[in-house]
Amino acid sequence: MPGSIIIISGPSQVGKDAVVKELSRMPTLNLARIITVTTREQRPEEVDGVDHYFVNDKEFDARVARGEFLEWAPVRNRKFATPRRAVEEALTKGRNVLLKIDVRGAKQVIGRYADAVRIFIEPDGLESIRRRMVEKGFSDEQLDVRWREAMDELKAAHDYDYRVVNNEGKLSETVEKIAEVILHLPLKG
C-alpha cells in the first residue's frame, strides 16, 4: 500500500525543525527521510548528502529544467527543492513522506498529490516569533525580511487541513498532536 505525503509548514522560528526532528524519531509513523537540495552554503557542521545536497545555481537550474524536483522555491536569495524521485520511491515502498516546506512549495506538491495532508504549525503569539528571531541574532534587515515572510506564511494557514499551535515550552504536546494526525490518516489503496 502506498504511503502518504505529510506537509509541515509554518512561519520562521515557530519550531518546525524541532517538531520534524522529534517526529522522525517515532518508528510508528513510518516516515521516510527525504534529503533536500539547496544552493545555500554548506555550514561547517553539515554533511553533503546527509543534511542537504549542496549544489550551485547552475546545477540547480539544470535539475529544475529536467523536472527532477517535486517542488522548489527561492528562499532569501537561495533555492531549496525536494527531489521527486526520492519521494516517489518512498511512497512506492509504503513509507510516509514528511516534507517541511513553505506554503509555495506546499501548493506545488498539492498540484501533483491532491491527497497530501497539510499541517500548519502556528505560534502561540506573534511576540514569541519576534523574540526568537531576535534571540537568533538576525540583523535588522534579516529580521525585517523574516518577519514579512512569517506574516505571509500565516495568511496561508487557512488553506491547510490541520493547524497546530506550538505553545512555548510544550514541544512534546505539539509533536503528539501531529503524530496523532499522521497515525490516523485514511488508508489508501
Foldseek 3Di string as FASTA:
>chain_A
DFAAEAEEEAAPPQCPVVLVVVLVVDVLLQEDDFAKEKQDDDDPVDDAPPNHPHDHPVVVVVCVVVVQFLFKDDDPNMIMTTGPVSNVVSRVVRGYYYHHDAPRRVVSNCVVVVPHAYEYEYEPDPVSNLVSVVVVPDDPVRSVSSSVSNVVRVVCNVVGPYYHYDYPPPSVVRSVVVSVVSSPDDDDD
